[in-house]
Each structure stands twice: as C-alpha cells, then as structure tokens.
Amino acid sequence: MDFHRAGRHAAAIVLGNCATSGLSWWGWTAWDWARLAGSGSVDFRAAQELPTETTVRPFLIALGYLLGGFTDFQHLGNFNRLHLAHLVFGPEPVTAAMKEVSAALEGWGYRSQTRDDGRYRLPGVLAQALLINRSPRLEDLTTEAFARLHAHPATTRPRSTRCSRSSRSSVIAALRCGPASTTRPAC
C-alpha cells in the first residue's frame, strides 16, 4: 500500500470539495466533513469520481480531524479508530497508552476483552477516547475530559464502538485509575 498516495488522494478530495462547494475547508461544519467521508467505506468510494482505494478514507477522516476538528465519528459507520489514532498521533504514543491501560485491566483480572468474533475490544474504545480528547497522553484524560467523553455523541450511541457497556466501563475505570492503581475500582 502506498500511504503517501492515499494521503495525496485524500487531500485532492478535500480540495475538490472546496472547489465544488465554493467553501474553504475551514468553513466546513462537522456534517460537511461527515458527508464527504461517507457513512461507510462503500458509500465513500461510490461517491468518488475517480477510482479510489480503501486506504484513502482513513486519511480523509484524519484530515477532517486535524484541519476541521472533526470528531463526529458516529456518522461514519464502522471504521478502524485505532488506525485513525495512529495516523493522527503516531503509533508509538498510542501503543504506549494501550499497554498502560491493558496492564491496569489485566492487573484487575479483566481477561475477556475480546468480542464474540475473537477480536480485541480495547483498541477501538481507547483510540476513540484519545481522539475525542485530542491527545494520546493518558494523563490528559482529566475529570473534565471524562465528562466531555461521556457527553460526546460518538460515545453515547449504543453500537458506536461495537463493544459492550461493561467493556467501555472497564476501559474508563482503567484510564481514571491509571497503571499505578492495583486495586480494582468499585463501580
């Protein structure tokens, strides 16, 4: 995969939409970014005039996030939030946060963080929390940040991260307590 080409293609889509709409990207609303990214990968690709690889949409979402402050992920259907966090923050800080939260959860005895299909739940939940908070650093997840996360539409929809409420609660508890805590929090 040529990620540079995908990034250039995503930028071209943004600029093309500027020309078509007559609006600069900094004047776009969250809904404008959501419409451009589509409600899913298939819808996004079908809306493009030129053949478009599946790698382009995540770069477009990253541009919306970085340029337009877009975090209305609930309008985008299913997509890989961990990949988006890696594009935005880089893989190292996201992986470090993941390891820290995983260690706390495992220390409390949480071992079944897998979905029914065997895929791991934590990455998407944590990546979305980091993205909405606009920082890969766990120490930036303050009480105020948790209030914003709790109220954010992307985290309040029942299937927004395709994991159970107990899974989200476990991750949030681990984030609040941090790795120094060896005692499981009371719910």
C-alpha atoms as a PDB file:
ATOM      1  CA  MET A   1       0.000   0.000   0.000  1.00  0.00           C
ATOM      2  CA  ASP A   2       1.202   3.476  -0.836  1.00  0.00           C
ATOM      3  CA  PHE A   3       0.126   5.618   2.092  1.00  0.00           C
ATOM      4  CA  HIS A   4       1.667   8.731   0.566  1.00  0.00           C
ATOM      5  CA  ARG A   5      -0.532   8.295  -2.483  1.00  0.00           C
ATOM      6  CA  ALA A   6      -3.594   7.743  -0.271  1.00  0.00           C
ATOM      7  CA  GLY A   7      -2.804  10.905   1.671  1.00  0.00           C
ATOM      8  CA  ARG A   8      -2.415  12.906  -1.538  1.00  0.00           C
ATOM      9  CA  HIS A   9      -5.669  11.476  -2.873  1.00  0.00           C
ATOM     10  CA  ALA A  10      -7.474  12.446   0.353  1.00  0.00           C
ATOM     11  CA  ALA A  11      -6.077  15.996   0.108  1.00  0.00           C
ATOM     12  CA  ALA A  12      -7.236  16.169  -3.514  1.00  0.00           C
ATOM     13  CA  ILE A  13     -10.751  15.138  -2.451  1.00  0.00           C
ATOM     14  CA  VAL A  14     -10.774  17.912   0.168  1.00  0.00           C
ATOM     15  CA  LEU A  15      -9.587  20.496  -2.361  1.00  0.00           C
ATOM     16  CA  GLY A  16     -12.049  19.235  -4.958  1.00  0.00           C
ATOM     17  CA  ASN A  17     -14.865  19.601  -2.455  1.00  0.00           C
ATOM     18  CA  CYS A  18     -13.705  23.160  -1.751  1.00  0.00           C
ATOM     19  CA  ALA A  19     -13.977  23.925  -5.474  1.00  0.00           C
ATOM     20  CA  THR A  20     -17.362  22.191  -5.828  1.00  0.00           C
ATOM     21  CA  SER A  21     -18.942  23.699  -2.704  1.00  0.00           C
ATOM     22  CA  GLY A  22     -17.365  27.138  -3.021  1.00  0.00           C
ATOM     23  CA  LEU A  23     -16.340  26.910   0.654  1.00  0.00           C
ATOM     24  CA  SER A  24     -12.881  26.681   2.154  1.00  0.00           C
ATOM     25  CA  TRP A  25     -12.329  23.641   4.384  1.00  0.00           C
ATOM     26  CA  TRP A  26     -12.042  25.846   7.451  1.00  0.00           C
ATOM     27  CA  GLY A  27     -15.638  26.934   6.871  1.00  0.00           C
ATOM     28  CA  TRP A  28     -16.977  23.387   6.825  1.00  0.00           C
ATOM     29  CA  THR A  29     -19.216  22.061   9.551  1.00  0.00           C
ATOM     30  CA  ALA A  30     -18.817  18.646  11.150  1.00  0.00           C
ATOM     31  CA  TRP A  31     -21.683  17.486   8.954  1.00  0.00           C
ATOM     32  CA  ASP A  32     -19.808  18.650   5.818  1.00  0.00           C
ATOM     33  CA  TRP A  33     -16.822  16.502   6.827  1.00  0.00           C
ATOM     34  CA  ALA A  34     -19.114  13.561   7.634  1.00  0.00           C
ATOM     35  CA  ARG A  35     -20.860  13.772   4.256  1.00  0.00           C
ATOM     36  CA  LEU A  36     -17.514  13.867   2.469  1.00  0.00           C
ATOM     37  CA  ALA A  37     -16.245  10.809   4.396  1.00  0.00           C
ATOM     38  CA  GLY A  38     -19.499   8.934   3.846  1.00  0.00           C
ATOM     39  CA  SER A  39     -21.456   6.673   6.162  1.00  0.00           C
ATOM     40  CA  GLY A  40     -19.149   3.793   5.321  1.00  0.00           C
ATOM     41  CA  SER A  41     -16.268   2.741   3.130  1.00  0.00           C
ATOM     42  CA  VAL A  42     -18.507   1.528   0.305  1.00  0.00           C
ATOM     43  CA  ASP A  43     -20.525   4.781   0.261  1.00  0.00           C
ATOM     44  CA  PHE A  44     -17.340   6.835   0.309  1.00  0.00           C
ATOM     45  CA  ARG A  45     -15.786   5.006  -2.622  1.00  0.00           C
ATOM     46  CA  ALA A  46     -19.022   5.062  -4.623  1.00  0.00           C
ATOM     47  CA  ALA A  47     -19.259   8.846  -4.263  1.00  0.00           C
ATOM     48  CA  GLN A  48     -15.803   9.435  -5.783  1.00  0.00           C
ATOM     49  CA  GLU A  49     -15.460  10.423  -9.432  1.00  0.00           C
ATOM     50  CA  LEU A  50     -12.150   8.603  -9.826  1.00  0.00           C
ATOM     51  CA  PRO A  51     -11.332   5.063  -8.711  1.00  0.00           C
ATOM     52  CA  THR A  52     -10.456   5.271  -5.039  1.00  0.00           C
ATOM     53  CA  GLU A  53      -8.542   2.798  -2.887  1.00  0.00           C
ATOM     54  CA  THR A  54      -9.844   1.771   0.517  1.00  0.00           C
ATOM     55  CA  THR A  55      -6.785   3.395   2.125  1.00  0.00           C
ATOM     56  CA  VAL A  56      -7.952   6.907   1.176  1.00  0.00           C
ATOM     57  CA  ARG A  57     -10.931   7.253   3.538  1.00  0.00           C
ATOM     58  CA  PRO A  58      -8.904   6.988   6.790  1.00  0.00           C
ATOM     59  CA  PHE A  59      -6.623   9.763   5.513  1.00  0.00           C
ATOM     60  CA  LEU A  60      -9.643  11.888   4.668  1.00  0.00           C
ATOM     61  CA  ILE A  61     -11.034  11.352   8.176  1.00  0.00           C
ATOM     62  CA  ALA A  62      -7.595  12.255   9.598  1.00  0.00           C
ATOM     63  CA  LEU A  63      -7.606  15.476   7.559  1.00  0.00           C
ATOM     64  CA  GLY A  64     -11.074  16.280   8.874  1.00  0.00           C
ATOM     65  CA  TYR A  65      -9.838  15.651  12.411  1.00  0.00           C
ATOM     66  CA  LEU A  66      -6.644  17.696  12.043  1.00  0.00           C
ATOM     67  CA  LEU A  67      -7.942  20.524   9.851  1.00  0.00           C
ATOM     68  CA  GLY A  68     -11.557  20.781  10.896  1.00  0.00           C
ATOM     69  CA  GLY A  69     -11.594  19.381  14.432  1.00  0.00           C
ATOM     70  CA  PHE A  70     -13.941  16.639  13.233  1.00  0.00           C
ATOM     71  CA  THR A  71     -14.846  14.058  15.901  1.00  0.00           C
ATOM     72  CA  ASP A  72     -18.439  13.207  14.944  1.00  0.00           C
ATOM     73  CA  PHE A  73     -17.414   9.602  14.348  1.00  0.00           C
ATOM     74  CA  GLN A  74     -20.963   8.353  14.935  1.00  0.00           C
ATOM     75  CA  HIS A  75     -21.841   9.490  11.390  1.00  0.00           C
ATOM     76  CA  LEU A  76     -19.110   7.417   9.736  1.00  0.00           C
ATOM     77  CA  GLY A  77     -20.291   3.889  10.371  1.00  0.00           C
ATOM     78  CA  ASN A  78     -17.720   1.282  11.298  1.00  0.00           C
ATOM     79  CA  PHE A  79     -14.111   2.232  10.751  1.00  0.00           C
ATOM     80  CA  ASN A  80     -10.789   1.493  12.394  1.00  0.00           C
ATOM     81  CA  ARG A  81     -10.384   4.102  15.129  1.00  0.00           C
ATOM     82  CA  LEU A  82      -7.026   2.654  16.146  1.00  0.00           C
ATOM     83  CA  HIS A  83      -5.683   3.235  12.626  1.00  0.00           C
ATOM     84  CA  LEU A  84      -7.000   6.808  12.755  1.00  0.00           C
ATOM     85  CA  ALA A  85      -5.290   7.385  16.117  1.00  0.00           C
ATOM     86  CA  HIS A  86      -2.038   6.057  14.627  1.00  0.00           C
ATOM     87  CA  LEU A  87      -2.374   8.415  11.643  1.00  0.00           C
ATOM     88  CA  VAL A  88      -3.084  11.411  13.883  1.00  0.00           C
ATOM     89  CA  PHE A  89      -0.818  10.840  16.892  1.00  0.00           C
ATOM     90  CA  GLY A  90       1.679   8.296  15.566  1.00  0.00           C
ATOM     91  CA  PRO A  91       1.807   4.633  16.587  1.00  0.00           C
ATOM     92  CA  GLU A  92       4.280   4.987  19.474  1.00  0.00           C
ATOM     93  CA  PRO A  93       2.223   7.115  21.903  1.00  0.00           C
ATOM     94  CA  VAL A  94      -0.975   5.208  21.102  1.00  0.00           C
ATOM     95  CA  THR A  95       0.723   1.839  21.659  1.00  0.00           C
ATOM     96  CA  ALA A  96       2.209   3.110  24.933  1.00  0.00           C
ATOM     97  CA  ALA A  97      -1.243   4.198  26.144  1.00  0.00           C
ATOM     98  CA  MET A  98      -2.691   0.849  25.063  1.00  0.00           C
ATOM     99  CA  LYS A  99      -0.053  -1.070  27.016  1.00  0.00           C
ATOM    100  CA  GLU A 100      -0.607   1.050  30.110  1.00  0.00           C
ATOM    101  CA  VAL A 101      -4.374   0.560  30.114  1.00  0.00           C
ATOM    102  CA  SER A 102      -4.059  -3.145  29.266  1.00  0.00           C
ATOM    103  CA  ALA A 103      -1.693  -3.634  32.203  1.00  0.00           C
ATOM    104  CA  ALA A 104      -4.143  -1.966  34.582  1.00  0.00           C
ATOM    105  CA  LEU A 105      -7.068  -4.042  33.301  1.00  0.00           C
ATOM    106  CA  GLU A 106      -5.102  -7.276  33.470  1.00  0.00           C
ATOM    107  CA  GLY A 107      -3.997  -6.380  36.998  1.00  0.00           C
ATOM    108  CA  TRP A 108      -7.666  -6.207  37.960  1.00  0.00           C
ATOM    109  CA  GLY A 109      -8.355  -9.575  36.401  1.00  0.00           C
ATOM    110  CA  TYR A 110     -10.006  -8.461  33.170  1.00  0.00           C
ATOM    111  CA  ARG A 111      -9.058 -11.142  30.706  1.00  0.00           C
ATOM    112  CA  SER A 112     -12.081 -11.347  28.399  1.00  0.00           C
ATOM    113  CA  GLN A 113     -11.628  -8.162  26.440  1.00  0.00           C
ATOM    114  CA  THR A 114     -12.408  -9.968  23.203  1.00  0.00           C
ATOM    115  CA  ARG A 115     -15.606  -9.756  21.220  1.00  0.00           C
ATOM    116  CA  ASP A 116     -17.524 -12.828  20.162  1.00  0.00           C
ATOM    117  CA  ASP A 117     -15.545 -12.926  16.903  1.00  0.00           C
ATOM    118  CA  GLY A 118     -12.256 -13.087  18.838  1.00  0.00           C
ATOM    119  CA  ARG A 119     -11.116  -9.552  18.050  1.00  0.00           C
ATOM    120  CA  TYR A 120      -9.769  -7.399  20.851  1.00  0.00           C
ATOM    121  CA  ARG A 121     -12.141  -4.668  22.125  1.00  0.00           C
ATOM    122  CA  LEU A 122      -9.793  -2.307  23.916  1.00  0.00           C
ATOM    123  CA  PRO A 123      -8.025  -0.653  20.963  1.00  0.00           C
ATOM    124  CA  GLY A 124     -11.126   0.899  19.405  1.00  0.00           C
ATOM    125  CA  VAL A 125     -12.541   2.114  22.699  1.00  0.00           C
ATOM    126  CA  LEU A 126      -9.267   3.625  23.867  1.00  0.00           C
ATOM    127  CA  ALA A 127      -8.413   5.087  20.461  1.00  0.00           C
ATOM    128  CA  GLN A 128     -11.772   6.846  20.320  1.00  0.00           C
ATOM    129  CA  ALA A 129     -11.265   8.261  23.820  1.00  0.00           C
ATOM    130  CA  LEU A 130      -7.816   9.578  22.876  1.00  0.00           C
ATOM    131  CA  LEU A 131      -9.120  11.052  19.627  1.00  0.00           C
ATOM    132  CA  ILE A 132     -12.085  12.803  21.220  1.00  0.00           C
ATOM    133  CA  ASN A 133      -9.783  14.146  23.932  1.00  0.00           C
ATOM    134  CA  ARG A 134      -7.361  15.270  21.182  1.00  0.00           C
ATOM    135  CA  SER A 135      -4.325  13.813  22.955  1.00  0.00           C
ATOM    136  CA  PRO A 136      -2.617  10.396  23.096  1.00  0.00           C
ATOM    137  CA  ARG A 137      -1.468  11.052  26.658  1.00  0.00           C
ATOM    138  CA  LEU A 138      -3.414   9.255  29.377  1.00  0.00           C
ATOM    139  CA  GLU A 139      -2.587  11.989  31.879  1.00  0.00           C
ATOM    140  CA  ASP A 140      -4.633  14.389  29.730  1.00  0.00           C
ATOM    141  CA  LEU A 141      -7.760  12.364  30.458  1.00  0.00           C
ATOM    142  CA  THR A 142      -8.851  14.546  33.362  1.00  0.00           C
ATOM    143  CA  THR A 143     -12.197  14.594  35.142  1.00  0.00           C
ATOM    144  CA  GLU A 144     -13.329  17.310  32.727  1.00  0.00           C
ATOM    145  CA  ALA A 145     -12.149  15.195  29.788  1.00  0.00           C
ATOM    146  CA  PHE A 146     -14.188  12.244  31.034  1.00  0.00           C
ATOM    147  CA  ALA A 147     -17.251  14.475  31.295  1.00  0.00           C
ATOM    148  CA  ARG A 148     -16.736  15.507  27.652  1.00  0.00           C
ATOM    149  CA  LEU A 149     -16.215  11.873  26.607  1.00  0.00           C
ATOM    150  CA  HIS A 150     -19.346  10.791  28.430  1.00  0.00           C
ATOM    151  CA  ALA A 151     -21.411  13.522  26.727  1.00  0.00           C
ATOM    152  CA  HIS A 152     -19.912  13.128  23.242  1.00  0.00           C
ATOM    153  CA  PRO A 153     -22.375  11.704  20.678  1.00  0.00           C
ATOM    154  CA  ALA A 154     -19.791   9.240  19.330  1.00  0.00           C
ATOM    155  CA  THR A 155     -19.592   7.561  22.735  1.00  0.00           C
ATOM    156  CA  THR A 156     -23.252   7.670  23.683  1.00  0.00           C
ATOM    157  CA  ARG A 157     -24.648   5.676  20.761  1.00  0.00           C
ATOM    158  CA  PRO A 158     -25.240   2.056  21.775  1.00  0.00           C
ATOM    159  CA  ARG A 159     -23.173   0.460  18.983  1.00  0.00           C
ATOM    160  CA  SER A 160     -20.727   3.310  18.384  1.00  0.00           C
ATOM    161  CA  THR A 161     -17.669   1.252  19.232  1.00  0.00           C
ATOM    162  CA  ARG A 162     -19.215  -2.187  18.728  1.00  0.00           C
ATOM    163  CA  CYS A 163     -18.436  -3.288  22.236  1.00  0.00           C
ATOM    164  CA  SER A 164     -20.414  -3.800  25.386  1.00  0.00           C
ATOM    165  CA  ARG A 165     -21.100  -1.239  28.062  1.00  0.00           C
ATOM    166  CA  SER A 166     -19.044  -3.285  30.551  1.00  0.00           C
ATOM    167  CA  SER A 167     -16.055  -3.168  28.188  1.00  0.00           C
ATOM    168  CA  ARG A 168     -16.275   0.624  27.902  1.00  0.00           C
ATOM    169  CA  SER A 169     -16.719   0.917  31.657  1.00  0.00           C
ATOM    170  CA  SER A 170     -13.638  -1.239  32.272  1.00  0.00           C
ATOM    171  CA  VAL A 171     -11.508   0.885  29.971  1.00  0.00           C
ATOM    172  CA  ILE A 172     -12.761   4.106  31.539  1.00  0.00           C
ATOM    173  CA  ALA A 173     -12.051   2.779  35.026  1.00  0.00           C
ATOM    174  CA  ALA A 174      -8.522   1.825  33.973  1.00  0.00           C
ATOM    175  CA  LEU A 175      -7.968   5.237  32.436  1.00  0.00           C
ATOM    176  CA  ARG A 176      -9.170   7.028  35.541  1.00  0.00           C
ATOM    177  CA  CYS A 177      -7.100   4.980  37.927  1.00  0.00           C
ATOM    178  CA  GLY A 178      -4.012   4.617  35.798  1.00  0.00           C
ATOM    179  CA  PRO A 179      -1.342   1.947  35.956  1.00  0.00           C
ATOM    180  CA  ALA A 180      -0.244   2.809  39.478  1.00  0.00           C
ATOM    181  CA  SER A 181      -3.522   1.523  40.837  1.00  0.00           C
ATOM    182  CA  THR A 182      -3.519  -2.159  41.650  1.00  0.00           C
ATOM    183  CA  THR A 183      -6.965  -2.094  43.249  1.00  0.00           C
ATOM    184  CA  ARG A 184      -9.952  -2.602  41.053  1.00  0.00           C
ATOM    185  CA  PRO A 185     -12.309   0.396  41.381  1.00  0.00           C
ATOM    186  CA  ALA A 186     -15.718  -0.042  42.924  1.00  0.00           C
ATOM    187  CA  CYS A 187     -18.500   0.561  40.432  1.00  0.00           C
END
